[in-house]
């Protein structure tokens, strides 16, 4: 520290310097967070774009299998009834 300045002035300078440093770090942190959010949005958009066609295909496949199952259900039920009747005899 400076010997020419009084202790009180040196202390106030140190405190004000620390306060300035903390405000600067806060602004830097805000900028970094903002940049990270932008990057995260871009990454998620790209991933969503890649997975969207797969999701559509899966949805279509699910609908097709549901239709097939709905068509096959009465036939299966009839077969089960026939088997049950045969087993009772």
N, C-alpha and C. Protein backbone atom coordinates (compact mmCIF):
# COMPACT_ATOMS: atom_id res chain seq x y z
N UNK A 1 0.84 -1.17 0.00
CA UNK A 1 0.00 0.00 0.00
C UNK A 1 0.89 1.24 0.00
N UNK A 2 0.24 2.35 -0.29
CA UNK A 2 0.99 3.61 -0.31
C UNK A 2 1.17 4.15 1.10
N UNK A 3 2.38 4.55 1.39
CA UNK A 3 2.65 5.16 2.70
C UNK A 3 2.23 6.63 2.72
N UNK A 4 2.14 7.24 1.54
CA UNK A 4 1.79 8.65 1.47
C UNK A 4 0.33 8.90 1.81
N UNK A 5 -0.55 7.98 1.44
CA UNK A 5 -1.98 8.16 1.69
C UNK A 5 -2.35 7.67 3.09
N UNK A 6 -3.36 8.30 3.68
CA UNK A 6 -3.82 7.81 4.99
C UNK A 6 -4.48 6.44 4.85
N UNK A 7 -4.52 5.70 5.95
CA UNK A 7 -5.06 4.34 5.95
C UNK A 7 -6.52 4.33 5.53
N UNK A 8 -7.30 5.30 6.00
CA UNK A 8 -8.72 5.35 5.66
C UNK A 8 -8.92 5.47 4.15
N UNK A 9 -8.15 6.33 3.52
CA UNK A 9 -8.27 6.53 2.06
C UNK A 9 -7.87 5.27 1.31
N UNK A 10 -6.82 4.61 1.79
CA UNK A 10 -6.38 3.36 1.16
C UNK A 10 -7.47 2.30 1.26
N UNK A 11 -8.12 2.23 2.42
CA UNK A 11 -9.18 1.24 2.62
C UNK A 11 -10.37 1.54 1.72
N UNK A 12 -10.76 2.80 1.63
CA UNK A 12 -11.90 3.14 0.76
C UNK A 12 -11.59 2.85 -0.70
N UNK A 13 -10.37 3.11 -1.11
CA UNK A 13 -9.97 2.80 -2.49
C UNK A 13 -10.05 1.29 -2.75
N UNK A 14 -9.58 0.51 -1.79
CA UNK A 14 -9.61 -0.94 -1.94
C UNK A 14 -11.05 -1.45 -2.03
N UNK A 15 -11.92 -0.90 -1.18
CA UNK A 15 -13.31 -1.34 -1.18
C UNK A 15 -14.00 -0.95 -2.47
N UNK A 16 -13.78 0.29 -2.91
CA UNK A 16 -14.42 0.73 -4.16
C UNK A 16 -13.88 -0.07 -5.35
N UNK A 17 -12.61 -0.39 -5.32
CA UNK A 17 -12.03 -1.22 -6.39
C UNK A 17 -12.65 -2.60 -6.41
N UNK A 18 -12.87 -3.15 -5.23
CA UNK A 18 -13.50 -4.48 -5.14
C UNK A 18 -14.93 -4.42 -5.65
N UNK A 19 -15.65 -3.36 -5.33
CA UNK A 19 -17.03 -3.20 -5.78
C UNK A 19 -17.09 -3.12 -7.30
N UNK A 20 -16.17 -2.36 -7.89
CA UNK A 20 -16.12 -2.27 -9.35
C UNK A 20 -15.82 -3.62 -9.98
N UNK A 21 -14.92 -4.34 -9.37
CA UNK A 21 -14.55 -5.66 -9.90
C UNK A 21 -15.74 -6.61 -9.86
N UNK A 22 -16.51 -6.56 -8.77
CA UNK A 22 -17.65 -7.46 -8.68
C UNK A 22 -18.72 -7.11 -9.71
N UNK A 23 -18.95 -5.82 -9.96
CA UNK A 23 -19.93 -5.44 -10.98
C UNK A 23 -19.47 -5.89 -12.36
N UNK A 24 -18.17 -5.77 -12.61
CA UNK A 24 -17.64 -6.22 -13.90
C UNK A 24 -17.79 -7.72 -14.06
N UNK A 25 -17.54 -8.46 -13.01
CA UNK A 25 -17.69 -9.92 -13.11
C UNK A 25 -19.15 -10.30 -13.29
N UNK A 26 -20.05 -9.56 -12.65
CA UNK A 26 -21.48 -9.85 -12.82
C UNK A 26 -21.90 -9.66 -14.27
N UNK A 27 -21.45 -8.58 -14.88
CA UNK A 27 -21.81 -8.34 -16.28
C UNK A 27 -21.19 -9.40 -17.18
N UNK A 28 -19.98 -9.82 -16.87
CA UNK A 28 -19.33 -10.87 -17.66
C UNK A 28 -20.11 -12.18 -17.54
N UNK A 29 -20.53 -12.49 -16.34
CA UNK A 29 -21.29 -13.73 -16.12
C UNK A 29 -22.61 -13.68 -16.88
N UNK A 30 -23.28 -12.54 -16.87
CA UNK A 30 -24.53 -12.39 -17.61
C UNK A 30 -24.33 -12.62 -19.10
N UNK A 31 -23.24 -12.06 -19.62
CA UNK A 31 -22.95 -12.23 -21.05
C UNK A 31 -22.68 -13.69 -21.38
N UNK A 32 -21.96 -14.35 -20.52
CA UNK A 32 -21.64 -15.77 -20.76
C UNK A 32 -22.92 -16.61 -20.71
N UNK A 33 -23.78 -16.34 -19.74
CA UNK A 33 -25.04 -17.08 -19.64
C UNK A 33 -25.91 -16.88 -20.87
N UNK A 34 -25.97 -15.63 -21.34
CA UNK A 34 -26.77 -15.31 -22.52
C UNK A 34 -26.25 -16.08 -23.74
N UNK A 35 -24.93 -16.08 -23.89
CA UNK A 35 -24.32 -16.80 -25.01
C UNK A 35 -24.58 -18.29 -24.91
N UNK A 36 -24.50 -18.82 -23.70
CA UNK A 36 -24.75 -20.25 -23.50
C UNK A 36 -26.19 -20.61 -23.84
N UNK A 37 -27.13 -19.74 -23.49
CA UNK A 37 -28.53 -19.99 -23.82
C UNK A 37 -28.74 -20.01 -25.33
N UNK A 38 -28.08 -19.08 -26.04
CA UNK A 38 -28.20 -19.06 -27.50
C UNK A 38 -27.68 -20.36 -28.11
N UNK A 39 -26.54 -20.80 -27.63
CA UNK A 39 -25.96 -22.05 -28.14
C UNK A 39 -26.87 -23.22 -27.84
N UNK A 40 -27.42 -23.25 -26.63
CA UNK A 40 -28.31 -24.35 -26.25
C UNK A 40 -29.54 -24.37 -27.14
N UNK A 41 -30.10 -23.21 -27.45
CA UNK A 41 -31.27 -23.15 -28.33
C UNK A 41 -30.95 -23.70 -29.70
N UNK A 42 -29.79 -23.30 -30.25
CA UNK A 42 -29.40 -23.79 -31.57
C UNK A 42 -29.24 -25.30 -31.57
N UNK A 43 -28.61 -25.82 -30.54
CA UNK A 43 -28.37 -27.26 -30.46
C UNK A 43 -29.69 -28.02 -30.36
N UNK A 44 -30.60 -27.52 -29.51
CA UNK A 44 -31.89 -28.22 -29.35
C UNK A 44 -32.71 -28.15 -30.62
N UNK A 45 -32.64 -27.03 -31.35
CA UNK A 45 -33.36 -26.94 -32.62
C UNK A 45 -32.84 -27.95 -33.62
N UNK A 46 -31.51 -28.09 -33.68
CA UNK A 46 -30.92 -29.05 -34.60
C UNK A 46 -31.31 -30.48 -34.24
N UNK A 47 -31.28 -30.79 -32.93
CA UNK A 47 -31.66 -32.13 -32.49
C UNK A 47 -33.13 -32.39 -32.79
N UNK A 48 -33.96 -31.38 -32.57
CA UNK A 48 -35.39 -31.53 -32.83
C UNK A 48 -35.64 -31.75 -34.32
N UNK A 49 -34.89 -31.05 -35.15
CA UNK A 49 -35.03 -31.21 -36.59
C UNK A 49 -34.64 -32.61 -37.03
N UNK A 50 -33.64 -33.16 -36.37
CA UNK A 50 -33.21 -34.52 -36.71
C UNK A 50 -34.19 -35.57 -36.23
N UNK A 51 -34.76 -35.37 -35.06
CA UNK A 51 -35.64 -36.38 -34.49
C UNK A 51 -37.09 -36.26 -34.95
N UNK A 52 -37.47 -35.12 -35.54
CA UNK A 52 -38.86 -34.92 -35.97
C UNK A 52 -39.30 -35.96 -37.02
N UNK A 53 -38.50 -36.22 -38.06
CA UNK A 53 -38.93 -37.24 -39.03
C UNK A 53 -39.06 -38.62 -38.40
N UNK A 54 -38.17 -38.94 -37.47
CA UNK A 54 -38.26 -40.23 -36.79
C UNK A 54 -39.55 -40.33 -35.99
N UNK A 55 -39.91 -39.23 -35.34
CA UNK A 55 -41.13 -39.22 -34.54
C UNK A 55 -42.35 -39.39 -35.43
N UNK A 56 -42.33 -38.74 -36.61
CA UNK A 56 -43.45 -38.87 -37.54
C UNK A 56 -43.58 -40.31 -38.03
N UNK A 57 -42.46 -40.93 -38.33
CA UNK A 57 -42.48 -42.32 -38.78
C UNK A 57 -43.02 -43.24 -37.70
N UNK A 58 -42.60 -43.00 -36.49
CA UNK A 58 -43.06 -43.82 -35.37
C UNK A 58 -44.55 -43.64 -35.15
N UNK A 59 -45.02 -42.41 -35.30
CA UNK A 59 -46.44 -42.13 -35.13
C UNK A 59 -47.26 -42.87 -36.19
N UNK A 60 -46.78 -42.80 -37.44
CA UNK A 60 -47.48 -43.50 -38.53
C UNK A 60 -47.48 -45.01 -38.28
N UNK A 61 -46.36 -45.53 -37.86
CA UNK A 61 -46.26 -46.97 -37.60
C UNK A 61 -47.22 -47.37 -36.49
N UNK A 62 -47.30 -46.55 -35.47
CA UNK A 62 -48.22 -46.82 -34.37
C UNK A 62 -49.67 -46.84 -34.83
N UNK A 63 -50.02 -45.88 -35.67
CA UNK A 63 -51.38 -45.84 -36.20
C UNK A 63 -51.69 -47.07 -37.05
N UNK A 64 -50.72 -47.46 -37.89
CA UNK A 64 -50.93 -48.64 -38.73
C UNK A 64 -51.11 -49.90 -37.89
N UNK A 65 -50.26 -50.06 -36.89
CA UNK A 65 -50.37 -51.25 -36.06
C UNK A 65 -51.68 -51.25 -35.27
N UNK A 66 -52.15 -50.08 -34.87
CA UNK A 66 -53.42 -49.99 -34.16
C UNK A 66 -54.57 -50.40 -35.07
N UNK A 67 -54.52 -49.95 -36.33
CA UNK A 67 -55.56 -50.33 -37.29
C UNK A 67 -55.56 -51.84 -37.53
N UNK A 68 -54.36 -52.40 -37.71
CA UNK A 68 -54.26 -53.84 -37.93
C UNK A 68 -54.77 -54.61 -36.74
N UNK A 69 -54.41 -54.15 -35.55
CA UNK A 69 -54.86 -54.84 -34.34
C UNK A 69 -56.37 -54.76 -34.20
N UNK A 70 -56.94 -53.63 -34.57
CA UNK A 70 -58.40 -53.48 -34.50
C UNK A 70 -59.10 -54.41 -35.50
N UNK A 71 -58.49 -54.61 -36.66
CA UNK A 71 -59.07 -55.51 -37.65
C UNK A 71 -58.93 -56.97 -37.23
N UNK A 72 -57.81 -57.31 -36.62
CA UNK A 72 -57.54 -58.70 -36.24
C UNK A 72 -58.24 -59.12 -34.96
N UNK A 73 -58.60 -58.17 -34.13
CA UNK A 73 -59.19 -58.50 -32.82
C UNK A 73 -60.44 -59.37 -32.93
N UNK A 74 -61.43 -59.05 -33.78
CA UNK A 74 -62.63 -59.91 -33.86
C UNK A 74 -62.31 -61.33 -34.33
N UNK A 75 -61.38 -61.44 -35.27
CA UNK A 75 -60.99 -62.76 -35.76
C UNK A 75 -60.35 -63.59 -34.66
N UNK A 76 -59.47 -62.95 -33.88
CA UNK A 76 -58.82 -63.65 -32.78
C UNK A 76 -59.83 -64.09 -31.73
N UNK A 77 -60.78 -63.22 -31.46
CA UNK A 77 -61.81 -63.55 -30.47
C UNK A 77 -62.62 -64.75 -30.93
N UNK A 78 -62.96 -64.79 -32.20
CA UNK A 78 -63.73 -65.91 -32.75
C UNK A 78 -62.93 -67.21 -32.64
N UNK A 79 -61.65 -67.14 -32.94
CA UNK A 79 -60.79 -68.34 -32.84
C UNK A 79 -60.71 -68.84 -31.40
N UNK A 80 -60.61 -67.91 -30.47
CA UNK A 80 -60.54 -68.30 -29.06
C UNK A 80 -61.83 -68.98 -28.62
N UNK A 81 -62.96 -68.49 -29.10
CA UNK A 81 -64.25 -69.10 -28.74
C UNK A 81 -64.33 -70.53 -29.29
N UNK A 82 -63.87 -70.71 -30.54
CA UNK A 82 -63.89 -72.04 -31.14
C UNK A 82 -63.00 -72.99 -30.35
N UNK A 83 -61.82 -72.53 -29.98
CA UNK A 83 -60.91 -73.37 -29.20
C UNK A 83 -61.50 -73.71 -27.84
N UNK A 84 -62.17 -72.77 -27.23
CA UNK A 84 -62.78 -73.00 -25.93
C UNK A 84 -63.88 -74.05 -26.05
N UNK A 85 -64.68 -73.98 -27.11
CA UNK A 85 -65.76 -74.95 -27.34
C UNK A 85 -65.18 -76.35 -27.57
N UNK A 86 -64.10 -76.44 -28.35
CA UNK A 86 -63.48 -77.73 -28.63
C UNK A 86 -62.90 -78.34 -27.37
N UNK A 87 -62.31 -77.52 -26.52
CA UNK A 87 -61.70 -78.04 -25.33
C UNK A 87 -62.75 -78.54 -24.33
N UNK A 88 -63.93 -77.97 -24.36
CA UNK A 88 -65.01 -78.42 -23.46
C UNK A 88 -65.52 -79.80 -23.87
N UNK A 89 -65.49 -80.13 -25.15
CA UNK A 89 -65.99 -81.41 -25.62
C UNK A 89 -65.17 -82.53 -25.17
